[in-house]
Amino acid sequence: MGGIARRDVLKTAGAAVGASLLAPGLARAEPTWKGAPEPEARLRVLRWKQFIQAEYDAFMENVRAFTKATGVKVRVDAESWEDIRPKAAVAAATGAGPDIIIGTLDDPFKFADKLVDLTDVADYLGAKYGGWYKTAQAYGRKGDRWIALPQGAAGGTVNYRISTLKKAGFEEFPKDLPGFLKVCQKFKELGKPPGLALGHATGDANGWTQWCLWAHGGKVVDEHDNVVLNSPETRAALEYAKQLYATFIEGVLSWLDPSNNKAFLADQIGLTLNGISIYTVAKNSPDPTVRAIAADMNHANLPIGPVGFHTEDQLVLNAYVYHYTKYPKAAKEFLRFMWEKPQVDLWETRSNGYVTAPLPGLNDNPVWTADPKVTPFRDVLNYALPNGYAGSLGAASAAVMGDFVVVDMFAEACTNAQTVEGAMKRAAERAKRFYA
C-alpha cells in the first residue's frame, strides 16, 4: 500500500541560484522558481519541539548554513505537536505569524487557501530524489497543487525489551495479531507490562489505534468519504484492543507523547509504540543503568492484521508557507535547501534516524544499516496509510484526527466507559459532523 509516486520535473526557464550564494561544500541545485531570495529577507519558522536534542542541534546547524549561504536570517521557535495545531489555525485566521510552520499530518488541509503553492519545489525535489513516497505525497498535495512539503515521518515502531521477549518464549517479534497479543500478555506476566498511550497523544495514541482499526478492516470513511465507523470490522478492532488494554500498565489514559518514553526509560514498561527517541536517549545516556536498557531493546514494525497488508499510521511532518509572508522566494529556497541530501544526511545521522525522509533518494544514509536496531524505521513510509484512509485528505480528515475521534473511541471501549457498540456509535456521530 506504500510505494513511490513519480512526477515529471517542471521544466521552467527559471534562473538558477547563483554559485556566489552558496558557501563551499554546500548543496548546489537549480530550483525551478525564478530569482534569489528577496533583498533583506527574514524568515520566522515554527517547528515541532524536539525529542532528541542532537536532532534539533543538527537542524539548527543547517539553518545557520542556509543563512551563511543566502544572507537570510531565520528565527526558529519550537512547540509541542499539540501546541502547533492551534497556533497554525490562529495564524491562518489572522494572517499573521510564522512564515513557515513545520507541523503534523493533514493540518494544512484545514486552510489550504491560505497557503503558498509549493508545487515547483516539490516537483524539483521529486525529480531529483526518485519521486515521493505515496503517503508523503498524499499529505503534501491537494489535487494538482502542493500545499505543503512533507519533511518525513517520525516513524513509530514497537519498542521492546529483548530479554523479556526471550523469556516469553519468542525468538523474534511476531508478525501477526494473535502473536502480538500473546507477547503483550506474557510481558505483563513477567513484570514488564506494555504501555500504549490512550490520552490525546498526537503521535503515539493515534499511531496504534489507527493501526489496530485498519488492521481489522475498519476505517473512519470509505472511498467516497462516507462515514463507516459503525461496522463489524471496527467492532473486531475494539474487542481486540480491549484484550490488549488488559495487559497495559495503569495510567495510559492520561499519557501524552513523552509519557511512554519516560516509562520505558524508568524500566516501568517493556513494550510500547514509539519513535527511535527512547533508544537514542538511552544509548547516549551517561547513566550505565539507562544504557543497559538500550542494549536490551530492539524495534519491530507493527504486525499485519486480517486485511493482509501493512496498515501503519505514521506521524508525517509537514512544512507549509502562509500567503501573508513577505518573502515567499526566501521561504521556498529555505525549504529547498533544508530538503537537499547534504542537509538531510547530516540531520538524519545526528538524530540516529529519528525522521524517515519523504523521498527514497534521501534514504540511502548508512544510519539505517550501521545499527540493525535502527533499520525498521527506514521503511515506515512504505508501510504507512494516510490519515484519511480510505477516503481523501482534507479539512474533515484533519479535524477527525485533531479531535482524537478514533483515540477516544478506543479509550471508551477499552475502559468500559462505553460499550463497544456505544463507542462506535458515538465516534461515528462525531465523525459525521466533520464530514457532513
Foldseek 3Di string as FASTA:
>chain_A
DKFFDADAADPAPAAADDPQLADPPADGDGFRHHDAWDPPAEFEEEEADDLFVLLVVLLVVLQVNNCSSHVYHYHYHHDHLLVVLVVVVVCLVPVDDGQKYWHWAQSCQQRLVFFDFLLRLQSRVQVVFPGFIPQQVQSQDDPSTGQWHWQFFLFKWKKFFQVQCVVLPDPDQDQELVSNLSSQQSQLVVQAHEAFALALALFGLCFPLQQLLVLLPHAQAAAARQGDLLDPSVLVSLVSLLSSLVRHDPDRHHDYQCVVLVCLLVSNHGIGMGGCSSLVCQCPDPDVVSVVSNVRMATDHHHHHPVPAFEGATIIIIMTGGPSRPIPSSVSVSVSSCLDQVSLLSSCQSRLNSGAGRGNSNLPRCSLPVDVRNVNRNCVSSRYDHQNPPYGRHSLSVVLSSVVLSSVLSVCCSVVVDPNSRSSVVSSVVSVVSSD
